[in-house]
Amino acid sequence: MRKPAFCTILLVVAMFLLSTLSATAAPYSCKDLGSSTHAYALNQAGQVVGDMYTSGSNRAFLYSGGLLQNLGTLPAPYDYASYASGLNAAGQVVGYSAASSANDIHGFLWSSSGGMTDLGVLPGGSGSYATGINAAGQVVGSAQSSSGYSHAFLWNSSSGMTDLGGFPGCPTVISGATGINTAGQMTGWARTAAGANHAFLYSGGFMQDLDTLPGGNVSQAVAINDAGQVAGYSQTAAKTTHAFLYSGGMTDLGTLPTPYNYASYASGLNGAGQVVGYCYSSSYDVRAFLYRDGGMLDLTSLVTNLPAGVNLTNAAGINDQGQIVANGNNGHAYLLSLKGPPPPAVVVPPLLLLLLLVD
């Protein structure tokens, strides 16, 4: 016997209503961080780092307590521009400072007490940039090695910069680190023996290849939380790029609905496994997303007080309080804060499932 048509119709209507509720709920308010700002990360206290354009160049900034602080640069020759890319709960900031030559950069660690410290380079290398820092002040990033290739590094105040190498047995080491958690686990990317870049999880002195989404060839990790979950993006079997969440295996997070269904990229991750990032349309229009409760939401639609005509093009980070830092199409960075509980997940009522199983 065919399944009753009214059950199918009822199921479609219910799922539409639930998904509409989830997609149109607007639980966030936003704080404008100012013109010519671009944010990259935030910490549990809601402090934000990024860069701002001022006086003809870019400067790393720290947003804290309603104030935007210019962090300056390293001394000459690395005083042309600076960019902040990560921070920890204590407000220590990492990034890089550049000379007038775009390829001549050094990673830095900034603190309110010590200012900006040059992290140096690997032996025989000539450049570095820092991307992440944990509560213990351990810093990760990428630096040019004596071979001329990028190598992932770990830096701390007692031993300086340590080369993390690459995948075991790979003849050519090319790698970069992007994040580090409280336990000292690190993530990033490294070249495989086959010549493709794969996301890695570095723990206990061993670099684990996280592989790719099924059928893909390349992947990149961008963030790691204290549970050891990793967010990033990977090529798919269809040769497009999708954001992923790794937790013992790689889960495809999909994309936003049409037209932003061409590709997705993760940028940040919190302790609850919520992921933020951005999606592209086939014409390369870009829209920020929030992945939670098993689904991907258009972040712009969740904010009540964005200025008219402003869309959020990239969500860069999310903390455990649900605060999100994102960038708009107007050249402004925004700090988003929850106004109430998040909207419900899209679920199918059990009664409907039971009806559909009836012959």
Protein backbone atom coordinates (compact mmCIF):
# COMPACT_ATOMS: atom_id res chain seq x y z
CA MET A 1 0.00 0.00 0.00
CA ARG A 2 1.28 3.49 -0.85
CA LYS A 3 2.08 5.84 2.02
CA PRO A 4 -0.81 8.29 2.59
CA ALA A 5 -0.34 11.44 0.54
CA PHE A 6 -1.51 13.67 3.40
CA CYS A 7 1.31 12.36 5.61
CA THR A 8 3.90 13.30 3.03
CA ILE A 9 2.36 16.74 2.58
CA LEU A 10 2.19 17.24 6.35
CA LEU A 11 5.85 16.27 6.69
CA VAL A 12 6.92 18.73 4.00
CA VAL A 13 4.89 21.54 5.59
CA ALA A 14 6.24 20.81 9.07
CA MET A 15 9.87 20.71 7.92
CA PHE A 16 9.37 23.95 5.98
CA LEU A 17 7.92 25.71 9.01
CA LEU A 18 10.68 24.47 11.30
CA SER A 19 13.47 25.35 8.90
CA THR A 20 11.90 28.77 8.32
CA LEU A 21 11.77 29.35 12.09
CA SER A 22 15.45 28.40 12.42
CA ALA A 23 16.56 30.46 9.44
CA THR A 24 14.59 33.62 10.20
CA ALA A 25 15.10 33.78 13.96
CA ALA A 26 17.35 36.73 14.81
CA PRO A 27 18.99 36.16 18.19
CA TYR A 28 22.07 38.36 17.67
CA SER A 29 22.78 42.03 18.11
CA CYS A 30 25.94 43.55 16.65
CA LYS A 31 28.56 46.09 17.71
CA ASP A 32 30.25 47.97 14.88
CA LEU A 33 34.04 48.01 15.41
CA GLY A 34 34.54 50.88 12.99
CA SER A 35 35.36 51.63 9.39
CA SER A 36 38.32 50.03 7.59
CA THR A 37 38.52 47.19 10.12
CA HIS A 38 38.88 43.49 9.42
CA ALA A 39 38.58 40.98 12.26
CA TYR A 40 40.27 37.57 12.47
CA ALA A 41 39.63 36.12 15.94
CA LEU A 42 38.08 36.60 19.37
CA ASN A 43 38.57 35.09 22.82
CA GLN A 44 36.21 33.94 25.58
CA ALA A 45 36.02 37.47 27.01
CA GLY A 46 34.80 38.89 23.70
CA GLN A 47 38.08 40.65 22.89
CA VAL A 48 38.69 40.84 19.14
CA VAL A 49 41.82 41.12 17.02
CA GLY A 50 42.38 41.98 13.38
CA ASP A 51 43.76 44.85 11.35
CA MET A 52 42.62 48.35 10.52
CA TYR A 53 43.68 50.69 7.76
CA THR A 54 45.08 53.91 9.15
CA SER A 55 47.53 56.57 7.94
CA GLY A 56 48.15 54.79 4.66
CA SER A 57 48.87 51.32 6.01
CA ASN A 58 47.45 48.42 8.02
CA ARG A 59 47.88 48.08 11.77
CA ALA A 60 47.05 45.18 14.07
CA PHE A 61 44.33 46.03 16.57
CA LEU A 62 42.87 44.71 19.82
CA TYR A 63 39.24 45.54 20.57
CA SER A 64 38.50 45.34 24.29
CA GLY A 65 36.02 47.03 26.59
CA GLY A 66 34.56 49.11 23.79
CA LEU A 67 37.95 50.50 22.73
CA LEU A 68 39.94 49.76 19.57
CA GLN A 69 43.69 49.77 20.32
CA ASN A 70 46.34 50.17 17.63
CA LEU A 71 49.07 47.63 18.51
CA GLY A 72 51.72 49.22 16.32
CA THR A 73 54.44 47.26 14.54
CA LEU A 74 57.77 45.60 15.14
CA PRO A 75 60.80 47.88 14.84
CA ALA A 76 62.26 48.72 11.42
CA PRO A 77 62.44 47.24 8.89
CA TYR A 78 59.23 45.43 9.90
CA ASP A 79 57.35 48.65 10.58
CA TYR A 80 55.47 49.03 7.33
CA ALA A 81 52.30 47.16 8.37
CA SER A 82 51.03 44.69 10.94
CA TYR A 83 48.22 42.15 11.13
CA ALA A 84 46.79 40.30 14.17
CA SER A 85 45.51 36.77 13.65
CA GLY A 86 44.93 35.21 17.09
CA LEU A 87 44.69 35.82 20.83
CA ASN A 88 44.26 33.91 24.07
CA ALA A 89 42.08 34.41 27.16
CA ALA A 90 44.72 36.67 28.75
CA GLY A 91 44.58 39.07 25.81
CA GLN A 92 47.98 38.12 24.40
CA VAL A 93 47.92 38.68 20.64
CA VAL A 94 49.83 37.05 17.79
CA GLY A 95 50.22 37.98 14.15
CA TYR A 96 52.90 39.35 11.88
CA SER A 97 54.58 42.61 11.02
CA ALA A 98 55.78 43.39 7.52
CA ALA A 99 58.57 45.35 5.90
CA SER A 100 57.87 47.36 2.76
CA SER A 101 58.59 44.20 0.80
CA ALA A 102 55.45 42.07 1.10
CA ASN A 103 57.50 38.87 1.38
CA ASP A 104 59.59 40.12 4.30
CA ILE A 105 57.56 39.46 7.46
CA HIS A 106 58.16 38.37 11.05
CA GLY A 107 55.69 36.86 13.48
CA PHE A 108 55.00 38.72 16.72
CA LEU A 109 53.60 38.20 20.20
CA TRP A 110 51.99 41.25 21.81
CA SER A 111 51.04 41.69 25.47
CA SER A 112 49.81 44.71 27.40
CA SER A 113 52.83 44.53 29.67
CA GLY A 114 55.57 43.83 27.16
CA GLY A 115 54.38 45.28 23.89
CA MET A 116 55.31 43.56 20.63
CA THR A 117 57.97 40.82 20.63
CA ASP A 118 59.62 39.53 17.44
CA LEU A 119 59.28 35.71 17.32
CA GLY A 120 62.20 35.43 14.90
CA VAL A 121 62.67 32.77 12.24
CA LEU A 122 63.73 29.15 11.89
CA PRO A 123 67.49 28.50 11.47
CA GLY A 124 68.47 29.43 7.92
CA GLY A 125 65.05 30.86 7.17
CA SER A 126 64.04 34.45 6.51
CA GLY A 127 60.38 34.95 7.41
CA SER A 128 57.60 33.86 9.76
CA TYR A 129 54.02 34.57 10.72
CA ALA A 130 52.05 33.55 13.80
CA THR A 131 48.46 32.35 13.66
CA GLY A 132 47.42 30.96 17.06
CA ILE A 133 48.19 31.08 20.79
CA ASN A 134 46.93 29.09 23.77
CA ALA A 135 46.48 29.93 27.46
CA ALA A 136 50.08 28.94 28.25
CA GLY A 137 51.44 31.44 25.73
CA GLN A 138 52.53 28.78 23.24
CA VAL A 139 52.40 30.16 19.71
CA VAL A 140 51.99 28.37 16.38
CA GLY A 141 52.41 29.51 12.82
CA SER A 142 54.48 29.07 9.69
CA ALA A 143 58.06 30.03 8.94
CA GLN A 144 60.41 29.68 6.02
CA SER A 145 62.95 26.93 6.61
CA SER A 146 66.51 26.64 5.31
CA SER A 147 65.06 24.64 2.39
CA GLY A 148 63.01 27.66 1.36
CA TYR A 149 59.74 25.88 2.08
CA SER A 150 57.18 26.78 4.73
CA HIS A 151 57.34 24.73 7.93
CA ALA A 152 54.88 24.67 10.84
CA PHE A 153 56.39 25.90 14.09
CA LEU A 154 55.74 25.98 17.82
CA TRP A 155 57.17 28.88 19.83
CA ASN A 156 57.42 29.42 23.57
CA SER A 157 59.32 31.92 25.65
CA SER A 158 61.82 29.40 27.06
CA SER A 159 62.93 27.55 23.91
CA GLY A 160 61.99 29.86 21.09
CA MET A 161 60.87 28.48 17.72
CA THR A 162 60.69 24.71 17.11
CA ASP A 163 60.22 23.22 13.65
CA LEU A 164 57.29 20.75 13.68
CA GLY A 165 58.28 19.18 10.37
CA GLY A 166 55.73 17.35 8.24
CA PHE A 167 53.99 14.01 7.77
CA PRO A 168 56.10 10.96 8.67
CA GLY A 169 57.96 9.59 5.66
CA CYS A 170 57.14 12.52 3.37
CA PRO A 171 60.28 13.30 1.34
CA THR A 172 59.58 17.04 1.07
CA VAL A 173 58.49 18.87 4.20
CA ILE A 174 56.01 21.68 3.51
CA SER A 175 53.61 22.59 6.31
CA GLY A 176 51.94 25.32 8.33
CA ALA A 177 50.22 25.46 11.71
CA THR A 178 46.99 27.39 12.25
CA GLY A 179 45.75 26.66 15.78
CA ILE A 180 46.67 25.27 19.21
CA ASN A 181 44.47 24.29 22.15
CA THR A 182 44.99 24.32 25.92
CA ALA A 183 46.48 20.80 25.90
CA GLY A 184 49.04 21.80 23.28
CA GLN A 185 47.39 19.91 20.41
CA MET A 186 47.96 21.71 17.13
CA THR A 187 46.36 21.76 13.73
CA GLY A 188 47.18 23.03 10.27
CA TRP A 189 48.19 21.56 6.93
CA ALA A 190 51.09 19.61 5.47
CA ARG A 191 52.19 18.24 2.10
CA THR A 192 51.68 14.50 1.58
CA ALA A 193 53.99 12.15 -0.29
CA ALA A 194 51.52 12.37 -3.19
CA GLY A 195 52.05 16.13 -3.36
CA ALA A 196 48.68 17.28 -1.98
CA ASN A 197 48.08 19.39 1.11
CA HIS A 198 46.12 17.66 3.91
CA ALA A 199 44.83 18.88 7.25
CA PHE A 200 46.71 17.56 10.28
CA LEU A 201 46.27 17.07 14.01
CA TYR A 202 49.58 17.25 15.90
CA SER A 203 49.49 15.61 19.34
CA GLY A 204 52.08 13.89 21.50
CA GLY A 205 54.86 14.62 19.03
CA PHE A 206 53.04 12.93 16.13
CA MET A 207 51.47 14.61 13.08
CA GLN A 208 48.30 12.78 12.05
CA ASP A 209 46.94 13.11 8.51
CA LEU A 210 43.22 13.92 8.76
CA ASP A 211 42.76 13.06 5.09
CA THR A 212 39.94 14.73 3.14
CA LEU A 213 36.22 14.51 2.58
CA PRO A 214 35.33 11.40 0.51
CA GLY A 215 36.66 11.71 -3.03
CA GLY A 216 38.61 14.89 -2.35
CA ASN A 217 42.30 15.51 -2.85
CA VAL A 218 43.23 18.46 -0.61
CA SER A 219 42.17 19.78 2.80
CA GLN A 220 43.13 22.55 5.21
CA ALA A 221 42.53 22.85 8.96
CA VAL A 222 41.99 26.29 10.48
CA ALA A 223 40.96 25.84 14.14
CA ILE A 224 41.02 23.38 17.04
CA ASN A 225 39.08 23.39 20.31
CA ASP A 226 39.96 21.94 23.71
CA ALA A 227 38.07 18.73 22.91
CA GLY A 228 40.43 18.12 19.99
CA GLN A 229 37.79 18.84 17.35
CA VAL A 230 39.16 20.45 14.21
CA ALA A 231 37.43 22.73 11.69
CA GLY A 232 38.61 23.42 8.18
CA TYR A 233 37.74 22.87 4.55
CA SER A 234 38.28 20.12 2.03
CA GLN A 235 37.83 19.33 -1.60
CA THR A 236 34.86 17.02 -2.26
CA ALA A 237 34.32 14.28 -4.83
CA ALA A 238 32.61 16.92 -7.00
CA LYS A 239 35.87 18.96 -6.88
CA THR A 240 34.21 21.77 -4.96
CA THR A 241 35.25 22.93 -1.49
CA HIS A 242 33.20 22.32 1.66
CA ALA A 243 33.73 23.23 5.29
CA PHE A 244 34.27 20.28 7.62
CA LEU A 245 34.25 19.42 11.32
CA TYR A 246 36.62 16.64 12.39
CA SER A 247 35.84 14.65 15.53
CA GLY A 248 37.31 11.20 15.00
CA GLY A 249 36.17 11.52 11.39
CA MET A 250 35.53 14.30 8.91
CA THR A 251 31.94 15.59 8.62
CA ASP A 252 30.89 17.60 5.56
CA LEU A 253 29.09 20.74 6.77
CA GLY A 254 27.61 21.44 3.35
CA THR A 255 26.77 24.96 2.17
CA LEU A 256 24.12 27.61 2.51
CA PRO A 257 21.12 27.31 0.16
CA THR A 258 21.22 28.67 -3.39
CA PRO A 259 22.82 30.90 -4.49
CA TYR A 260 25.54 30.45 -1.82
CA ASN A 261 25.97 26.75 -2.51
CA TYR A 262 29.06 26.81 -4.70
CA ALA A 263 31.64 26.39 -1.90
CA SER A 264 32.07 26.79 1.86
CA TYR A 265 35.07 27.49 4.07
CA ALA A 266 35.35 27.26 7.87
CA SER A 267 37.13 30.02 9.79
CA GLY A 268 36.44 29.40 13.49
CA LEU A 269 35.25 26.84 16.03
CA ASN A 270 34.11 26.89 19.67
CA GLY A 271 34.04 24.31 22.44
CA ALA A 272 30.52 23.17 21.56
CA GLY A 273 31.55 22.25 18.02
CA GLN A 274 29.79 25.25 16.46
CA VAL A 275 31.57 26.43 13.32
CA VAL A 276 31.63 29.75 11.50
CA GLY A 277 32.94 30.68 8.09
CA TYR A 278 31.71 31.76 4.68
CA CYS A 279 30.09 30.45 1.51
CA TYR A 280 30.46 31.47 -2.13
CA SER A 281 27.99 31.64 -4.97
CA SER A 282 29.04 30.62 -8.49
CA SER A 283 29.58 34.32 -9.23
CA TYR A 284 31.78 34.59 -6.10
CA ASP A 285 29.36 36.56 -3.99
CA VAL A 286 30.19 35.67 -0.40
CA ARG A 287 28.05 35.22 2.72
CA ALA A 288 28.97 34.39 6.34
CA PHE A 289 27.55 31.25 7.96
CA LEU A 290 27.00 29.75 11.38
CA TYR A 291 26.86 25.95 11.68
CA ARG A 292 25.01 24.70 14.76
CA ASP A 293 22.46 22.04 15.68
CA GLY A 294 23.44 20.07 12.58
CA GLY A 295 22.60 22.81 10.09
CA MET A 296 24.13 25.83 8.38
CA LEU A 297 22.50 29.25 8.82
CA ASP A 298 22.97 32.54 6.97
CA LEU A 299 24.50 34.72 9.69
CA THR A 300 23.25 37.99 8.21
CA SER A 301 19.65 36.84 8.71
CA LEU A 302 20.29 36.24 12.42
CA VAL A 303 21.32 39.82 13.30
CA THR A 304 18.68 42.37 14.25
CA ASN A 305 20.53 45.68 13.98
CA LEU A 306 22.83 45.52 10.96
CA PRO A 307 22.72 48.74 8.92
CA ALA A 308 20.50 48.63 5.86
CA GLY A 309 22.24 47.01 2.90
CA VAL A 310 25.02 45.43 4.97
CA ASN A 311 25.70 41.72 4.57
CA LEU A 312 28.17 39.72 6.63
CA THR A 313 30.67 38.24 4.23
CA ASN A 314 32.92 36.24 6.55
CA ALA A 315 32.51 35.01 10.11
CA ALA A 316 36.02 34.73 11.51
CA GLY A 317 35.57 33.34 15.03
CA ILE A 318 33.11 32.13 17.66
CA ASN A 319 33.59 31.71 21.41
CA ASP A 320 31.91 29.48 23.98
CA GLN A 321 29.40 32.21 24.89
CA GLY A 322 28.21 32.16 21.28
CA GLN A 323 29.72 35.56 20.45
CA ILE A 324 30.84 35.80 16.83
CA VAL A 325 33.17 38.20 15.10
CA ALA A 326 32.38 38.80 11.44
CA ASN A 327 33.20 41.16 8.61
CA GLY A 328 30.73 43.11 6.50
CA ASN A 329 30.61 44.09 2.86
CA ASN A 330 30.99 47.74 3.95
CA GLY A 331 34.55 47.35 5.27
CA HIS A 332 33.48 47.16 8.92
CA ALA A 333 34.08 44.37 11.43
CA TYR A 334 31.23 43.44 13.81
CA LEU A 335 31.05 41.71 17.18
CA LEU A 336 27.82 39.72 17.47
CA SER A 337 26.31 38.78 20.82
CA LEU A 338 23.34 36.52 21.55
CA LYS A 339 20.16 38.32 22.61
CA GLY A 340 18.54 35.13 23.89
CA PRO A 341 18.58 31.35 23.44
CA PRO A 342 19.50 30.08 19.97
CA PRO A 343 16.67 29.09 17.62
CA PRO A 344 15.56 25.46 17.74
CA ALA A 345 17.17 22.83 15.58
CA VAL A 346 15.18 21.53 12.62
CA VAL A 347 13.60 18.26 13.74
CA VAL A 348 10.91 15.97 12.42
CA PRO A 349 8.11 15.37 14.97
CA PRO A 350 8.01 11.69 16.02
CA LEU A 351 4.30 11.43 15.17
CA LEU A 352 5.00 12.33 11.56
CA LEU A 353 7.76 9.74 11.34
CA LEU A 354 5.37 7.13 12.71
CA LEU A 355 2.70 8.05 10.16
CA LEU A 356 5.19 7.74 7.32
CA LEU A 357 6.09 4.24 8.39
CA VAL A 358 2.48 3.10 8.18
CA ASP A 359 1.73 1.15 5.01
